[in-house]
């Protein structure tokens, strides 16, 4: 056999072995989770319906200022603030119709008990 054929074959075998060794150690692609919009489009999650909640009451319990909001179909939201000036008159909250939540007075009583 001619010398260039032997060198060519050995180089071909060497490159093939190198290719296989690199192919064995290539990390597999890490599967990335779907983005929130992709999950929504695919029907994996439901879009949160929002409603306007209006300021229902302000309360001070042990130096803690609390703003209570109420929206459509008894949707309720509670926010703790440093100053009552930080309580917006309306805010957008997640729509939870007829949730078995306590009334505003019951919420205030439970907050007072928990902060004692």
N, C-alpha and C. Protein backbone atom coordinates (compact mmCIF):
# COMPACT_ATOMS: atom_id res chain seq x y z
N UNK A 1 0.84 -1.18 0.00
CA UNK A 1 0.00 0.00 0.00
C UNK A 1 0.87 1.23 0.00
N UNK A 2 0.31 2.23 -0.53
CA UNK A 2 1.07 3.46 -0.61
C UNK A 2 0.98 4.21 0.72
N UNK A 3 1.96 5.00 0.97
CA UNK A 3 2.07 5.71 2.24
C UNK A 3 0.92 6.69 2.44
N UNK A 4 0.51 7.39 1.41
CA UNK A 4 -0.56 8.38 1.58
C UNK A 4 -1.90 7.70 1.86
N UNK A 5 -2.11 6.48 1.41
CA UNK A 5 -3.34 5.75 1.70
C UNK A 5 -3.36 5.34 3.17
N UNK A 6 -2.22 4.88 3.67
CA UNK A 6 -2.13 4.48 5.09
C UNK A 6 -2.34 5.69 5.99
N UNK A 7 -1.71 6.81 5.67
CA UNK A 7 -1.86 8.02 6.48
C UNK A 7 -3.30 8.53 6.40
N UNK A 8 -3.89 8.49 5.24
CA UNK A 8 -5.27 8.93 5.07
C UNK A 8 -6.25 8.08 5.85
N UNK A 9 -6.07 6.76 5.81
CA UNK A 9 -6.94 5.86 6.57
C UNK A 9 -6.78 6.06 8.07
N UNK A 10 -5.55 6.22 8.52
CA UNK A 10 -5.31 6.40 9.96
C UNK A 10 -5.88 7.74 10.44
N UNK A 11 -5.76 8.78 9.60
CA UNK A 11 -6.36 10.07 9.97
C UNK A 11 -7.89 9.98 10.01
N UNK A 12 -8.46 9.26 9.08
CA UNK A 12 -9.90 9.06 9.05
C UNK A 12 -10.37 8.33 10.31
N UNK A 13 -9.65 7.29 10.69
CA UNK A 13 -10.00 6.55 11.91
C UNK A 13 -9.82 7.44 13.14
N UNK A 14 -8.76 8.23 13.19
CA UNK A 14 -8.51 9.13 14.31
C UNK A 14 -9.62 10.17 14.44
N UNK A 15 -10.03 10.79 13.33
CA UNK A 15 -11.11 11.77 13.38
C UNK A 15 -12.43 11.13 13.79
N UNK A 16 -12.66 9.90 13.33
CA UNK A 16 -13.88 9.20 13.72
C UNK A 16 -13.90 8.92 15.22
N UNK A 17 -12.79 8.50 15.78
CA UNK A 17 -12.69 8.24 17.23
C UNK A 17 -12.87 9.54 18.01
N UNK A 18 -12.25 10.62 17.55
CA UNK A 18 -12.41 11.92 18.21
C UNK A 18 -13.86 12.38 18.16
N UNK A 19 -14.50 12.21 17.02
CA UNK A 19 -15.90 12.60 16.87
C UNK A 19 -16.78 11.82 17.85
N UNK A 20 -16.57 10.52 17.95
CA UNK A 20 -17.38 9.71 18.87
C UNK A 20 -17.13 10.09 20.33
N UNK A 21 -15.88 10.39 20.67
CA UNK A 21 -15.59 10.76 22.06
C UNK A 21 -16.22 12.11 22.42
N UNK A 22 -16.19 13.07 21.48
CA UNK A 22 -16.84 14.36 21.75
C UNK A 22 -18.36 14.22 21.76
N UNK A 23 -18.88 13.39 20.90
CA UNK A 23 -20.33 13.20 20.84
C UNK A 23 -20.84 12.55 22.11
N UNK A 24 -20.03 11.72 22.74
CA UNK A 24 -20.45 11.05 23.97
C UNK A 24 -20.51 12.03 25.14
N UNK A 25 -19.69 13.07 25.13
CA UNK A 25 -19.62 14.00 26.26
C UNK A 25 -20.36 15.31 26.02
N UNK A 26 -21.04 15.45 24.90
CA UNK A 26 -21.83 16.66 24.68
C UNK A 26 -23.02 16.63 25.62
N UNK A 27 -23.18 17.66 26.44
CA UNK A 27 -24.32 17.65 27.36
C UNK A 27 -25.64 17.72 26.59
N UNK A 28 -26.59 16.97 27.04
CA UNK A 28 -27.89 17.01 26.38
C UNK A 28 -28.53 18.36 26.66
N UNK A 29 -29.40 18.77 25.78
CA UNK A 29 -30.07 20.05 25.93
C UNK A 29 -30.98 20.00 27.15
N UNK A 30 -30.83 20.99 28.02
CA UNK A 30 -31.69 21.06 29.20
C UNK A 30 -33.06 21.56 28.76
N UNK A 31 -34.06 20.77 29.07
CA UNK A 31 -35.42 21.16 28.70
C UNK A 31 -35.85 22.34 29.56
N UNK A 32 -36.29 23.38 28.92
CA UNK A 32 -36.73 24.58 29.61
C UNK A 32 -38.25 24.52 29.70
N UNK A 33 -38.75 24.92 30.85
CA UNK A 33 -40.20 24.90 31.05
C UNK A 33 -40.87 25.91 30.12
N UNK A 34 -42.15 25.69 29.86
CA UNK A 34 -42.90 26.61 29.02
C UNK A 34 -42.98 27.98 29.69
N UNK A 35 -43.03 29.02 28.88
CA UNK A 35 -43.22 30.36 29.41
C UNK A 35 -44.67 30.49 29.86
N UNK A 36 -44.98 31.47 30.72
CA UNK A 36 -46.37 31.63 31.16
C UNK A 36 -47.35 31.83 30.01
N UNK A 37 -46.97 32.56 28.97
CA UNK A 37 -47.87 32.77 27.84
C UNK A 37 -48.07 31.47 27.05
N UNK A 38 -47.00 30.67 26.90
CA UNK A 38 -47.14 29.40 26.20
C UNK A 38 -48.07 28.47 26.98
N UNK A 39 -47.94 28.46 28.30
CA UNK A 39 -48.84 27.64 29.12
C UNK A 39 -50.28 28.08 28.93
N UNK A 40 -50.50 29.39 28.86
CA UNK A 40 -51.85 29.92 28.66
C UNK A 40 -52.38 29.52 27.30
N UNK A 41 -51.58 29.66 26.26
CA UNK A 41 -52.01 29.33 24.90
C UNK A 41 -52.29 27.84 24.74
N UNK A 42 -51.52 27.00 25.44
CA UNK A 42 -51.69 25.56 25.34
C UNK A 42 -52.82 25.05 26.24
N UNK A 43 -53.38 25.93 27.07
CA UNK A 43 -54.46 25.52 27.96
C UNK A 43 -53.99 24.82 29.21
N UNK A 44 -52.71 24.97 29.56
CA UNK A 44 -52.19 24.33 30.76
C UNK A 44 -52.60 25.09 32.02
N UNK A 45 -52.82 26.38 31.91
CA UNK A 45 -53.29 27.20 33.02
C UNK A 45 -54.44 28.07 32.51
N UNK A 46 -55.25 28.52 33.45
CA UNK A 46 -56.33 29.43 33.08
C UNK A 46 -55.89 30.86 33.34
N UNK A 47 -56.35 31.74 32.48
CA UNK A 47 -56.02 33.15 32.66
C UNK A 47 -56.77 33.67 33.87
N UNK A 48 -56.08 34.42 34.70
CA UNK A 48 -56.72 34.98 35.89
C UNK A 48 -57.63 36.11 35.48
N UNK A 49 -58.87 36.03 35.91
CA UNK A 49 -59.80 37.11 35.63
C UNK A 49 -59.63 38.15 36.73
N UNK A 50 -59.58 39.39 36.32
CA UNK A 50 -59.38 40.48 37.26
C UNK A 50 -60.66 41.30 37.38
N UNK A 51 -60.82 41.93 38.54
CA UNK A 51 -61.94 42.83 38.78
C UNK A 51 -61.44 44.04 39.54
N UNK A 52 -62.23 45.07 39.58
CA UNK A 52 -61.87 46.27 40.31
C UNK A 52 -62.36 46.14 41.75
N UNK A 53 -61.45 46.26 42.69
CA UNK A 53 -61.80 46.23 44.11
C UNK A 53 -61.70 47.65 44.64
N UNK A 54 -62.69 48.02 45.42
CA UNK A 54 -62.73 49.37 45.99
C UNK A 54 -62.47 49.31 47.48
N UNK A 55 -61.87 50.37 47.99
CA UNK A 55 -61.54 50.45 49.41
C UNK A 55 -62.81 50.36 50.24
N UNK A 56 -62.89 49.36 51.13
CA UNK A 56 -64.07 49.17 51.95
C UNK A 56 -63.84 49.69 53.37
N UNK A 57 -62.63 49.47 53.90
CA UNK A 57 -62.38 49.87 55.27
C UNK A 57 -60.89 50.01 55.52
N UNK A 58 -60.57 50.87 56.47
CA UNK A 58 -59.20 51.03 56.95
C UNK A 58 -59.21 50.70 58.43
N UNK A 59 -58.18 50.01 58.89
CA UNK A 59 -58.17 49.58 60.28
C UNK A 59 -56.74 49.62 60.79
N UNK A 60 -56.58 49.97 62.08
CA UNK A 60 -55.29 49.93 62.74
C UNK A 60 -55.36 48.86 63.82
N UNK A 61 -54.46 47.90 63.74
CA UNK A 61 -54.39 46.84 64.74
C UNK A 61 -52.95 46.75 65.21
N UNK A 62 -52.72 47.12 66.47
CA UNK A 62 -51.37 47.09 67.06
C UNK A 62 -50.35 47.78 66.16
N UNK A 63 -50.57 49.00 65.83
CA UNK A 63 -49.69 49.83 65.02
C UNK A 63 -49.55 49.32 63.57
N UNK A 64 -50.31 48.32 63.21
CA UNK A 64 -50.29 47.81 61.84
C UNK A 64 -51.50 48.37 61.10
N UNK A 65 -51.25 49.07 60.01
CA UNK A 65 -52.34 49.69 59.24
C UNK A 65 -52.77 48.73 58.14
N UNK A 66 -54.09 48.50 58.06
CA UNK A 66 -54.64 47.51 57.14
C UNK A 66 -55.69 48.16 56.27
N UNK A 67 -55.63 47.89 54.96
CA UNK A 67 -56.63 48.36 54.02
C UNK A 67 -57.40 47.15 53.52
N UNK A 68 -58.72 47.18 53.66
CA UNK A 68 -59.58 46.09 53.21
C UNK A 68 -60.34 46.53 51.97
N UNK A 69 -60.32 45.69 50.93
CA UNK A 69 -60.97 46.01 49.67
C UNK A 69 -62.04 44.98 49.37
N UNK A 70 -63.09 45.43 48.67
CA UNK A 70 -64.14 44.52 48.26
C UNK A 70 -64.50 44.81 46.82
N UNK A 71 -64.70 43.73 46.04
CA UNK A 71 -65.02 43.87 44.63
C UNK A 71 -66.28 43.12 44.26
N UNK A 72 -66.41 42.78 43.00
CA UNK A 72 -67.60 42.13 42.48
C UNK A 72 -67.79 40.74 43.11
N UNK A 73 -69.05 40.42 43.40
CA UNK A 73 -69.42 39.11 43.96
C UNK A 73 -68.58 38.72 45.18
N UNK A 74 -68.40 39.66 46.06
CA UNK A 74 -67.72 39.45 47.34
C UNK A 74 -66.25 39.04 47.18
N UNK A 75 -65.61 39.53 46.15
CA UNK A 75 -64.17 39.33 46.00
C UNK A 75 -63.49 40.27 46.99
N UNK A 76 -62.58 39.73 47.80
CA UNK A 76 -61.94 40.53 48.85
C UNK A 76 -60.43 40.50 48.73
N UNK A 77 -59.80 41.58 49.17
CA UNK A 77 -58.35 41.72 49.16
C UNK A 77 -57.94 42.49 50.40
N UNK A 78 -56.80 42.14 50.99
CA UNK A 78 -56.28 42.82 52.18
C UNK A 78 -54.85 43.25 51.89
N UNK A 79 -54.54 44.49 52.27
CA UNK A 79 -53.19 45.03 52.07
C UNK A 79 -52.73 45.66 53.37
N UNK A 80 -51.49 45.38 53.74
CA UNK A 80 -50.87 46.00 54.90
C UNK A 80 -49.97 47.14 54.41
N UNK A 81 -50.12 48.32 55.01
CA UNK A 81 -49.38 49.50 54.55
C UNK A 81 -48.75 50.20 55.75
N UNK A 82 -47.80 51.12 55.45
CA UNK A 82 -47.18 51.92 56.50
C UNK A 82 -48.01 53.15 56.83
N UNK A 83 -48.62 53.75 55.80
CA UNK A 83 -49.45 54.93 55.97
C UNK A 83 -50.75 54.71 55.21
N UNK A 84 -51.82 55.27 55.74
CA UNK A 84 -53.11 55.13 55.06
C UNK A 84 -53.13 55.88 53.73
N UNK A 85 -52.21 56.84 53.56
CA UNK A 85 -52.15 57.55 52.29
C UNK A 85 -51.71 56.62 51.16
N UNK A 86 -51.11 55.48 51.50
CA UNK A 86 -50.66 54.53 50.49
C UNK A 86 -51.78 53.59 50.04
N UNK A 87 -52.95 53.70 50.65
CA UNK A 87 -54.09 52.86 50.26
C UNK A 87 -54.77 53.50 49.04
N UNK A 88 -54.66 52.89 47.88
CA UNK A 88 -55.39 53.44 46.73
C UNK A 88 -56.89 53.21 46.90
N UNK A 89 -57.70 54.07 46.32
CA UNK A 89 -59.14 53.92 46.43
C UNK A 89 -59.64 52.69 45.69
N UNK A 90 -59.01 52.37 44.57
CA UNK A 90 -59.36 51.17 43.81
C UNK A 90 -58.09 50.45 43.41
N UNK A 91 -58.20 49.16 43.22
CA UNK A 91 -57.10 48.39 42.70
C UNK A 91 -57.64 47.19 41.96
N UNK A 92 -56.83 46.60 41.14
CA UNK A 92 -57.22 45.43 40.37
C UNK A 92 -56.85 44.18 41.16
N UNK A 93 -57.84 43.33 41.42
CA UNK A 93 -57.58 42.12 42.18
C UNK A 93 -58.14 40.91 41.43
N UNK A 94 -57.67 39.73 41.81
CA UNK A 94 -58.09 38.49 41.16
C UNK A 94 -59.56 38.23 41.49
N UNK A 95 -60.35 37.97 40.47
CA UNK A 95 -61.78 37.75 40.62
C UNK A 95 -62.04 36.36 41.19
N UNK A 96 -62.59 36.33 42.41
CA UNK A 96 -62.94 35.09 43.09
C UNK A 96 -64.38 35.21 43.54
N UNK A 97 -65.34 34.87 42.68
CA UNK A 97 -66.75 35.10 43.01
C UNK A 97 -67.25 34.18 44.12
N UNK A 98 -68.03 34.79 45.01
CA UNK A 98 -68.72 34.07 46.09
C UNK A 98 -67.81 33.11 46.84
N UNK A 99 -66.59 33.54 47.07
CA UNK A 99 -65.66 32.73 47.84
C UNK A 99 -66.15 32.68 49.28
N UNK A 100 -66.02 31.54 49.91
CA UNK A 100 -66.47 31.41 51.29
C UNK A 100 -65.51 32.13 52.23
N UNK A 101 -65.37 33.39 52.02
CA UNK A 101 -64.49 34.21 52.86
C UNK A 101 -65.32 34.89 53.93
N UNK A 102 -64.71 35.17 55.05
CA UNK A 102 -65.45 35.85 56.10
C UNK A 102 -65.79 37.28 55.69
N UNK A 103 -66.76 37.84 56.36
CA UNK A 103 -67.11 39.22 56.07
C UNK A 103 -65.99 40.14 56.55
N UNK A 104 -66.11 41.41 56.22
CA UNK A 104 -65.06 42.36 56.58
C UNK A 104 -64.91 42.45 58.08
N UNK A 105 -66.01 42.45 58.81
CA UNK A 105 -65.92 42.52 60.27
C UNK A 105 -65.24 41.27 60.83
N UNK A 106 -65.57 40.11 60.32
CA UNK A 106 -64.92 38.88 60.78
C UNK A 106 -63.43 38.90 60.45
N UNK A 107 -63.07 39.43 59.28
CA UNK A 107 -61.66 39.53 58.91
C UNK A 107 -60.93 40.44 59.88
N UNK A 108 -61.54 41.56 60.22
CA UNK A 108 -60.88 42.51 61.12
C UNK A 108 -60.72 41.90 62.50
N UNK A 109 -61.73 41.18 62.98
CA UNK A 109 -61.62 40.55 64.29
C UNK A 109 -60.51 39.49 64.31
N UNK A 110 -60.42 38.70 63.24
CA UNK A 110 -59.38 37.68 63.19
C UNK A 110 -57.98 38.31 63.09
N UNK A 111 -57.88 39.44 62.37
CA UNK A 111 -56.58 40.13 62.30
C UNK A 111 -56.19 40.69 63.65
N UNK A 112 -57.16 41.23 64.37
CA UNK A 112 -56.86 41.74 65.70
C UNK A 112 -56.39 40.63 66.62
N UNK A 113 -57.03 39.47 66.53
CA UNK A 113 -56.65 38.34 67.38
C UNK A 113 -55.26 37.81 67.00
N UNK A 114 -54.96 37.76 65.71
CA UNK A 114 -53.67 37.22 65.28
C UNK A 114 -52.51 38.15 65.63
N UNK A 115 -52.75 39.44 65.69
CA UNK A 115 -51.66 40.39 65.98
C UNK A 115 -51.52 40.69 67.47
N UNK A 116 -52.32 40.05 68.31
CA UNK A 116 -52.20 40.27 69.77
C UNK A 116 -51.04 39.54 70.33
